[in-house]
Amino acid sequence: MTIPDVARHAGVGQATAARVLGGYGSASAATRERVLASAAELGYSTNAVARSMISGRTDTLGVVVADVENAYFARAVRGVADVAGKAGLQAVLANSDEDSAKEKAAVQLFIERRVDGLVVAPAATDDEHLARAVSAGIPVVLLDRVVTGAALDTVVVDNRGAVKSAVTRFTDAGHTRIAVITSAMPGDDGTRLAPGADIWTTTERVTGYRQALRAAGIPRSAELIRHTGYDRAWARSAVLELMTSADRPTALFTTDNVATLGTLDALLDLDARIPGDVSVIGFDDAEWTTLIRPRLSVVSQPVQELGGLAADILIRRINGTAARPRRHTLHTTYIDRESTGPAPARVRRLRAPSDSSPGADAASR
């Protein structure tokens, strides 16, 4: 079935039928209804490729995130897809695995596929590939992270302020040995970030942690900042090592879901009492955080709202808005549950189980 067939059946010209079926140009409501009714009756199926050649649009958005299996990114993508769907657009997903090369390859593929716009949670710290997309007429909105120097719309939360406020709850409760577990990739010395791994959210959250310690007059200690690979087993090994040291922390702050899960793995292995031996606060309120006992205190982000706002801004860009790009910062909420308490009067020595030596998992990678 072809456009001329639909045009004859509807009693309109071929150009009119093409405009209605292609979703471009103008036609009266009555004509549009007649053409669409004829197309449905005849079983006409729109050729998306041909329509995109005529209209210059593919009705698709490219979305590049670190890992859709991560609950945070899954919810953010849902927010993007919901808003895109209401606008008649389909979201097409790619994972970067926090690898800048994979991210750049995904962006290039989306450029070649002529998506109408891109939402990117950037692992890369440069913006050359993003600038290439914009030059090709494809607007870009950054989600969750900032790329320094990039003149792009960006949707984030106040990471630094949120972590400073959360860690201050530890210091107010008398904790002075407070560790932070983050999933950025460590350098060769185990403390500095590896090249290309300085993801903006990690930097902001660690900065908020340091600011809270400074405000409480607590000296910084390099061994209490643990950059682990973006991997649950690696985070577990780092926490086992920390918690079996002679001067172990009494409070742990985790900067993301992967680090939180690895931390809880380690504390279960150690038979650590939460919060009796160690208090814990995680960043992000995954559904499972209320299913464990004690329930986990968290910094909660409006994740679907972040994704939805990114899609809404992108659609406005696609439709021609010329507003200056800016950073949109949403607020977080601290949720106090049972995993936090006062610093213990006596620090109990914890021992790793015999079949789980600290650092073994990381060393085997």
Protein backbone atom coordinates (compact mmCIF):
# COMPACT_ATOMS: atom_id res chain seq x y z
CA MET A 1 0.00 0.00 0.00
CA THR A 2 1.39 3.40 -1.05
CA ILE A 3 0.74 7.10 -0.44
CA PRO A 4 -1.02 7.48 -3.84
CA ASP A 5 -3.40 4.65 -2.84
CA VAL A 6 -4.22 6.43 0.43
CA ALA A 7 -4.62 9.76 -1.41
CA ARG A 8 -7.11 8.29 -3.92
CA HIS A 9 -9.10 6.56 -1.15
CA ALA A 10 -9.26 9.78 0.92
CA GLY A 11 -10.01 12.00 -2.07
CA VAL A 12 -7.03 14.28 -1.56
CA GLY A 13 -3.85 15.09 -3.47
CA GLN A 14 -0.70 13.02 -3.03
CA ALA A 15 1.17 15.97 -1.51
CA THR A 16 -1.56 16.44 1.11
CA ALA A 17 -1.56 12.72 1.99
CA ALA A 18 2.24 12.76 2.23
CA ARG A 19 2.17 15.73 4.63
CA VAL A 20 -0.36 14.08 6.92
CA LEU A 21 1.31 10.67 6.91
CA GLY A 22 4.78 12.18 7.25
CA GLY A 23 3.80 14.40 10.16
CA TYR A 24 5.02 17.64 8.60
CA GLY A 25 3.46 20.70 7.02
CA SER A 26 -0.17 21.75 7.50
CA ALA A 27 -3.58 20.23 6.80
CA SER A 28 -7.04 20.88 8.18
CA ALA A 29 -8.31 18.71 11.00
CA ALA A 30 -10.99 17.21 8.73
CA THR A 31 -8.47 16.38 6.00
CA ARG A 32 -6.05 14.89 8.50
CA GLU A 33 -8.78 12.71 9.98
CA ARG A 34 -9.88 11.52 6.49
CA VAL A 35 -6.34 10.63 5.44
CA LEU A 36 -5.55 8.79 8.66
CA ALA A 37 -8.84 6.87 8.48
CA SER A 38 -8.05 5.81 4.90
CA ALA A 39 -4.54 4.76 5.88
CA ALA A 40 -5.91 2.61 8.71
CA GLU A 41 -8.58 1.05 6.49
CA LEU A 42 -6.07 0.23 3.76
CA GLY A 43 -3.41 -1.04 6.17
CA TYR A 44 -0.86 1.62 5.19
CA SER A 45 2.37 1.52 7.22
CA THR A 46 4.55 4.63 7.38
CA ASN A 47 8.12 4.17 6.21
CA ALA A 48 10.08 5.78 9.05
CA VAL A 49 13.23 6.19 6.96
CA ALA A 50 11.36 7.92 4.15
CA ARG A 51 9.50 10.12 6.61
CA SER A 52 12.76 11.19 8.28
CA MET A 53 14.23 12.10 4.87
CA ILE A 54 11.25 14.35 4.22
CA SER A 55 10.83 15.88 7.69
CA GLY A 56 14.49 15.87 8.78
CA ARG A 57 13.49 14.13 12.05
CA THR A 58 13.67 10.53 13.24
CA ASP A 59 11.51 10.95 16.36
CA THR A 60 14.22 9.29 18.45
CA LEU A 61 16.39 10.41 21.35
CA GLY A 62 19.75 8.81 22.12
CA VAL A 63 20.44 8.16 25.82
CA VAL A 64 23.93 7.28 27.06
CA VAL A 65 24.29 6.22 30.71
CA ALA A 66 26.89 4.28 32.70
CA ASP A 67 24.88 1.16 33.46
CA VAL A 68 21.14 0.65 33.07
CA GLU A 69 21.31 -2.23 35.59
CA ASN A 70 22.17 0.35 38.25
CA ALA A 71 18.88 1.34 39.92
CA TYR A 72 19.76 5.04 39.69
CA PHE A 73 20.24 5.02 35.93
CA ALA A 74 17.26 2.71 35.37
CA ARG A 75 14.99 5.22 37.10
CA ALA A 76 16.58 8.17 35.31
CA VAL A 77 16.08 6.50 31.91
CA ARG A 78 12.46 5.81 32.84
CA GLY A 79 12.04 9.53 33.47
CA VAL A 80 13.54 10.32 30.05
CA ALA A 81 11.39 7.72 28.28
CA ASP A 82 8.14 8.82 29.94
CA VAL A 83 8.54 12.46 28.90
CA ALA A 84 9.82 11.51 25.44
CA GLY A 85 6.88 9.16 24.89
CA LYS A 86 4.35 11.89 25.66
CA ALA A 87 6.01 13.97 22.93
CA GLY A 88 5.84 11.10 20.42
CA LEU A 89 9.55 10.28 20.67
CA GLN A 90 11.30 6.98 21.36
CA ALA A 91 14.37 6.77 23.63
CA VAL A 92 17.21 4.54 22.37
CA LEU A 93 19.68 3.43 25.06
CA ALA A 94 23.43 2.81 25.16
CA ASN A 95 25.64 1.88 28.15
CA SER A 96 29.11 3.40 28.55
CA ASP A 97 30.23 1.24 31.53
CA GLU A 98 31.95 4.43 32.80
CA ASP A 99 34.34 4.10 29.84
CA SER A 100 34.93 7.35 27.94
CA ALA A 101 35.86 5.48 24.74
CA LYS A 102 32.57 3.56 24.80
CA GLU A 103 30.69 6.77 25.47
CA LYS A 104 32.30 8.50 22.50
CA ALA A 105 31.58 5.53 20.24
CA ALA A 106 27.92 5.53 21.33
CA VAL A 107 27.59 9.27 20.68
CA GLN A 108 29.15 8.84 17.22
CA LEU A 109 26.72 6.02 16.42
CA PHE A 110 23.78 8.19 17.45
CA ILE A 111 25.10 11.02 15.27
CA GLU A 112 25.22 8.62 12.31
CA ARG A 113 21.71 7.39 13.09
CA ARG A 114 20.54 11.01 13.09
CA VAL A 115 18.74 10.95 16.44
CA ASP A 116 16.91 14.19 17.15
CA GLY A 117 18.70 14.79 20.45
CA LEU A 118 21.00 13.25 23.06
CA VAL A 119 20.84 12.81 26.84
CA VAL A 120 24.28 11.85 28.15
CA ALA A 121 25.50 10.99 31.66
CA PRO A 122 29.14 11.69 30.82
CA ALA A 123 32.07 9.56 31.91
CA ALA A 124 34.38 11.50 29.58
CA THR A 125 35.84 14.73 30.94
CA ASP A 126 36.23 16.38 27.52
CA ASP A 127 33.39 17.53 25.28
CA GLU A 128 34.77 17.10 21.76
CA HIS A 129 32.32 14.30 20.89
CA LEU A 130 29.42 16.28 22.37
CA ALA A 131 30.42 19.39 20.41
CA ARG A 132 30.49 17.23 17.27
CA ALA A 133 26.88 16.22 17.89
CA VAL A 134 25.80 19.83 18.39
CA SER A 135 27.62 20.82 15.19
CA ALA A 136 25.64 18.12 13.39
CA GLY A 137 22.42 19.78 14.55
CA ILE A 138 21.75 17.36 17.41
CA PRO A 139 21.16 19.14 20.75
CA VAL A 140 22.70 17.57 23.87
CA VAL A 141 21.60 17.66 27.52
CA LEU A 142 23.90 16.32 30.25
CA LEU A 143 22.38 14.25 33.03
CA ASP A 144 23.78 13.78 36.55
CA ARG A 145 27.23 15.18 35.75
CA VAL A 146 28.92 18.36 34.59
CA VAL A 147 31.57 18.53 31.87
CA THR A 148 33.71 21.55 32.74
CA GLY A 149 33.78 24.11 29.93
CA ALA A 150 30.91 22.56 27.95
CA ALA A 151 28.19 25.08 27.05
CA LEU A 152 25.38 22.55 27.39
CA ASP A 153 22.18 22.26 29.40
CA THR A 154 22.92 20.13 32.46
CA VAL A 155 20.58 18.54 35.03
CA VAL A 156 22.14 17.63 38.40
CA VAL A 157 21.53 17.67 42.15
CA ASP A 158 23.43 19.62 44.80
CA ASN A 159 25.89 16.78 45.45
CA ARG A 160 28.35 18.80 47.50
CA GLY A 161 25.76 20.34 49.81
CA ALA A 162 23.90 17.04 50.23
CA VAL A 163 27.00 15.14 51.34
CA LYS A 164 28.23 17.92 53.60
CA SER A 165 24.85 17.91 55.37
CA ALA A 166 24.78 14.10 55.68
CA VAL A 167 28.35 13.78 57.01
CA THR A 168 27.65 16.61 59.48
CA ARG A 169 25.08 14.28 61.06
CA PHE A 170 27.97 11.93 61.83
CA THR A 171 30.13 14.66 63.33
CA ASP A 172 27.21 15.99 65.39
CA ALA A 173 26.80 12.45 66.79
CA GLY A 174 30.42 12.44 67.99
CA HIS A 175 32.06 10.46 65.16
CA THR A 176 35.61 11.54 64.30
CA ARG A 177 36.77 8.52 62.27
CA ILE A 178 34.50 8.85 59.24
CA ALA A 179 35.31 7.07 55.97
CA VAL A 180 33.92 7.68 52.49
CA ILE A 181 33.57 4.83 49.97
CA THR A 182 33.25 5.91 46.36
CA SER A 183 33.17 3.99 43.09
CA ALA A 184 35.64 6.13 41.15
CA MET A 185 38.60 4.19 39.77
CA PRO A 186 41.72 4.58 41.97
CA GLY A 187 45.19 5.30 40.64
CA ASP A 188 48.23 3.10 41.15
CA ASP A 189 48.76 4.35 44.69
CA GLY A 190 45.18 3.45 45.67
CA THR A 191 44.26 7.00 46.72
CA ARG A 192 44.63 9.30 43.72
CA LEU A 193 42.06 8.98 40.95
CA ALA A 194 43.19 7.21 37.82
CA PRO A 195 43.42 9.36 34.65
CA GLY A 196 39.95 9.95 33.22
CA ALA A 197 38.16 8.71 36.35
CA ASP A 198 37.47 12.08 37.98
CA ILE A 199 33.71 11.93 37.42
CA TRP A 200 32.11 15.20 38.49
CA THR A 201 29.66 13.64 40.95
CA THR A 202 32.47 11.80 42.73
CA THR A 203 34.55 14.96 43.00
CA GLU A 204 31.59 16.96 44.32
CA ARG A 205 30.60 14.34 46.89
CA VAL A 206 34.12 13.86 48.21
CA THR A 207 34.45 17.66 48.41
CA GLY A 208 31.25 17.81 50.49
CA TYR A 209 32.69 15.14 52.81
CA ARG A 210 35.89 17.13 53.28
CA GLN A 211 33.96 20.33 53.95
CA ALA A 212 31.95 18.62 56.70
CA LEU A 213 35.14 17.41 58.40
CA ARG A 214 36.72 20.85 58.13
CA ALA A 215 33.64 22.52 59.64
CA ALA A 216 33.81 20.09 62.59
CA GLY A 217 37.56 20.64 63.08
CA ILE A 218 38.37 17.01 62.20
CA PRO A 219 41.68 16.49 60.34
CA ARG A 220 41.47 14.80 56.96
CA SER A 221 42.94 11.33 56.69
CA ALA A 222 43.85 9.97 53.25
CA GLU A 223 43.32 6.35 54.27
CA LEU A 224 39.66 7.10 55.07
CA ILE A 225 38.92 8.09 51.46
CA ARG A 226 38.56 4.86 49.48
CA HIS A 227 38.22 5.09 45.70
CA THR A 228 37.18 1.65 44.53
CA GLY A 229 36.45 0.39 41.05
CA TYR A 230 32.86 0.64 39.84
CA ASP A 231 32.36 -2.83 41.24
CA ARG A 232 30.59 -4.23 44.30
CA ALA A 233 33.29 -6.81 45.13
CA TRP A 234 36.00 -4.17 45.00
CA ALA A 235 34.06 -1.91 47.37
CA ARG A 236 33.59 -4.87 49.72
CA SER A 237 37.35 -5.51 49.80
CA ALA A 238 38.10 -1.86 50.56
CA VAL A 239 35.66 -1.84 53.49
CA LEU A 240 36.98 -5.14 54.87
CA GLU A 241 40.45 -3.62 54.91
CA LEU A 242 39.26 -0.41 56.54
CA MET A 243 37.13 -2.07 59.19
CA THR A 244 39.82 -4.54 60.31
CA SER A 245 42.52 -1.89 60.66
CA ALA A 246 43.83 -0.94 64.10
CA ASP A 247 42.23 2.51 64.02
CA ARG A 248 39.07 1.69 62.11
CA PRO A 249 36.29 4.18 61.32
CA THR A 250 33.05 4.28 63.29
CA ALA A 251 31.03 5.82 60.45
CA LEU A 252 30.87 5.10 56.70
CA PHE A 253 29.44 7.27 53.94
CA THR A 254 28.92 5.64 50.53
CA THR A 255 28.58 7.78 47.42
CA ASP A 256 26.47 5.49 45.21
CA ASN A 257 24.49 2.25 45.14
CA VAL A 258 27.42 0.07 44.01
CA ALA A 259 29.61 1.30 46.85
CA THR A 260 26.72 0.89 49.31
CA LEU A 261 26.08 -2.73 48.37
CA GLY A 262 29.79 -3.60 48.62
CA THR A 263 29.96 -1.88 52.00
CA LEU A 264 27.00 -3.80 53.38
CA ASP A 265 28.49 -7.05 52.04
CA ALA A 266 31.65 -6.39 54.05
CA LEU A 267 29.81 -5.42 57.24
CA LEU A 268 27.73 -8.60 57.08
CA ASP A 269 30.93 -10.65 56.66
CA LEU A 270 32.40 -8.92 59.70
CA ASP A 271 29.30 -9.42 61.85
CA ALA A 272 29.42 -5.68 62.46
CA ARG A 273 26.52 -4.21 64.42
CA ILE A 274 24.85 -1.31 62.63
CA PRO A 275 24.81 1.28 64.15
CA GLY A 276 26.36 -0.13 67.36
CA ASP A 277 29.78 -0.72 65.81
CA VAL A 278 29.51 1.51 62.76
CA SER A 279 26.98 4.00 61.43
CA VAL A 280 26.19 4.03 57.70
CA ILE A 281 24.66 6.58 55.33
CA GLY A 282 24.25 5.87 51.61
CA PHE A 283 23.74 8.20 48.67
CA ASP A 284 20.48 7.40 46.82
CA ASP A 285 17.33 5.78 48.10
CA ALA A 286 17.08 2.46 46.25
CA GLU A 287 13.98 0.38 46.97
CA TRP A 288 15.96 -2.25 48.87
CA THR A 289 17.24 0.27 51.45
CA THR A 290 14.02 -0.13 53.47
CA LEU A 291 13.99 -3.93 53.16
CA ILE A 292 17.22 -4.56 55.09
CA ARG A 293 17.48 -4.35 58.88
CA PRO A 294 18.35 -1.90 60.15
CA ARG A 295 16.84 0.22 57.40
CA LEU A 296 19.45 2.42 55.72
CA SER A 297 19.69 6.18 56.24
CA VAL A 298 20.13 7.80 52.83
CA VAL A 299 20.44 10.92 50.75
CA SER A 300 17.44 10.63 48.40
CA GLN A 301 17.56 12.07 44.88
CA PRO A 302 14.53 12.92 42.69
CA VAL A 303 15.88 10.51 40.06
CA GLN A 304 12.92 10.20 37.67
CA GLU A 305 12.41 13.94 37.90
CA LEU A 306 16.04 14.44 36.84
CA GLY A 307 15.56 12.23 33.78
CA GLY A 308 12.21 13.81 32.94
CA LEU A 309 13.60 17.33 33.20
CA ALA A 310 16.56 16.40 30.96
CA ALA A 311 14.14 15.08 28.33
CA ASP A 312 11.87 18.12 28.61
CA ILE A 313 14.78 20.53 28.12
CA LEU A 314 16.04 18.46 25.19
CA ILE A 315 12.65 18.44 23.46
CA ARG A 316 12.47 22.22 23.79
CA ARG A 317 15.91 22.43 22.17
CA ILE A 318 14.77 20.14 19.34
CA ASN A 319 11.75 22.38 18.81
CA GLY A 320 13.98 25.40 18.39
CA THR A 321 14.31 27.20 21.72
CA ALA A 322 17.28 29.55 21.68
CA ALA A 323 17.60 30.04 25.45
CA ARG A 324 21.14 30.11 26.79
CA PRO A 325 22.26 26.68 28.11
CA ARG A 326 22.38 26.52 31.90
CA ARG A 327 22.79 24.17 34.84
CA HIS A 328 19.57 23.03 36.51
CA THR A 329 20.18 21.94 40.11
CA LEU A 330 17.54 19.94 41.99
CA HIS A 331 17.44 19.39 45.73
CA THR A 332 18.01 16.13 47.61
CA THR A 333 16.32 14.95 50.82
CA TYR A 334 18.02 13.31 53.79
CA ILE A 335 16.02 10.36 55.13
CA ASP A 336 16.96 9.38 58.68
CA ARG A 337 16.48 5.68 59.43
CA GLU A 338 18.02 3.16 61.82
CA SER A 339 21.55 2.79 60.41
CA THR A 340 22.94 5.85 62.18
CA GLY A 341 23.67 6.44 65.85
CA PRO A 342 26.16 8.03 68.25
CA ALA A 343 29.85 7.19 68.12
CA PRO A 344 30.48 4.07 70.25
CA ALA A 345 32.10 4.69 73.63
CA ARG A 346 34.30 1.67 73.03
CA VAL A 347 35.45 0.64 69.54
CA ARG A 348 35.08 -3.12 69.21
CA ARG A 349 37.75 -4.90 67.16
CA LEU A 350 36.32 -6.56 64.06
CA ARG A 351 37.89 -9.55 62.34
CA ALA A 352 37.42 -10.64 58.75
CA PRO A 353 36.19 -14.21 58.26
CA SER A 354 38.97 -16.68 57.52
CA ASP A 355 37.77 -17.26 53.95
CA SER A 356 37.70 -13.56 53.11
CA SER A 357 41.03 -11.75 53.41
CA PRO A 358 40.92 -7.98 52.90
CA GLY A 359 41.99 -6.87 49.42
CA ALA A 360 41.85 -10.37 47.93
CA ASP A 361 39.07 -9.54 45.50
CA ALA A 362 40.74 -6.33 44.34
CA ALA A 363 44.14 -7.99 43.99
CA SER A 364 42.68 -10.69 41.76
CA ARG A 365 41.22 -8.21 39.30
